[in-house]
Amino acid sequence: MPELLTILPPPEQRKRLHRELRVPLDVRLPSPPTALLKLQRLFRDPNVNFRKLADAIALDPAISASVLRLARSPLFGLARPPRTLVQAVASIGIAELERMVLTQLAVQTLAASPPALELFLQEAYATALIARSLCRRHEPLLDPGLAWPAGLLYDIGKLLRLTLKPAEDEEIRRAMLIGACTYTTAEASLSLQDQHLLGASLLYKWQLPLIYVDVALYGEREDPMAWPGTQESLALRRIVSAASSLRGVTRERTSAEERAKNQARAQELLKLGEEAFLAEMAVVYQLLPSVKTLLG
């Protein structure tokens, strides 16, 4: 990791995030859902076991279906795909399961409608898959299990805006079509609130791990590595930001200029030459069909 990065201890990082997370007065962030709070308490219970977790998750059919789909997907590469929820919980492990369930529940809670959820998950799953793959090759000391939820929650501000201010979301989508540009570019051209600030503020309010708050807040900035963070959050920020950029290269509806910007950003973050970049893109295109499997 470059020496110029500012490494903060976790308590200082919490203080910094608390100072930066300020949302406009006209945006009222929703309270965390009861199901999320209950599961957070359950995961923190030192006496919890696989059966208790499976029983709690089974109360939400959508979440339990997602857990089974993920456990049976190439994401975990299990030799014997689980047939029951208890088997899935045991196969995945409690730490990985906590990340998966809490992030999936957060996303599901915000979805205004099934089509909105599917549209969001198509992009979020792609970013999460790419991030997990990059982590193994470019940050071998970082737990790849962190890359999945961080990638899934990276753009959760878009889903929040769609839920709270659908007219703004429609305006952004229209600008994207007209300008053949990215969401971020359209958002800035309309002088609207940064969706990453909205999303990070929500994650902070819902008491999700600070490392995901950090990635959501800083990952899409012009130089995401210029902002202080813990060593772990800086590494994850680099990986997820690069994953988002690599995903951006594959979007055919954006202009050649936007795709070139995404390529340059990914190459800079991952320190890739042209040949290495093409090799990474080959991996990305191999991963993208898995999104359909995850969506069910």
Foldseek 3Di string as FASTA:
>chain_A
DDPPFAADDVVVLVVVLVVPQDDDPVDDFDADDPLLVVVVVLLVDPPHDLVVNLVSQVVDVVLLVLLLLCQQFCVLPDPDRDPGSSVSDVSCDSVLVNLSRNLVVVLVVLAPDPVSSLVLLLLLQLLLLLLLVVCVVQPVVADSSVSNSLSNLQQSLLSNCCRRPVVVNVQLVVQCQVQLADSQVSCVVVVHDDSLSVSLSNCVSNPHDVLSSLLSNQLQDPDSSRDYYHPNSSSSSLSSSLSSLLVQLPDPSHDPVNNVVSLVSNCVSRVDDPVVSVVSNVVSVVCSVSSVSSVD
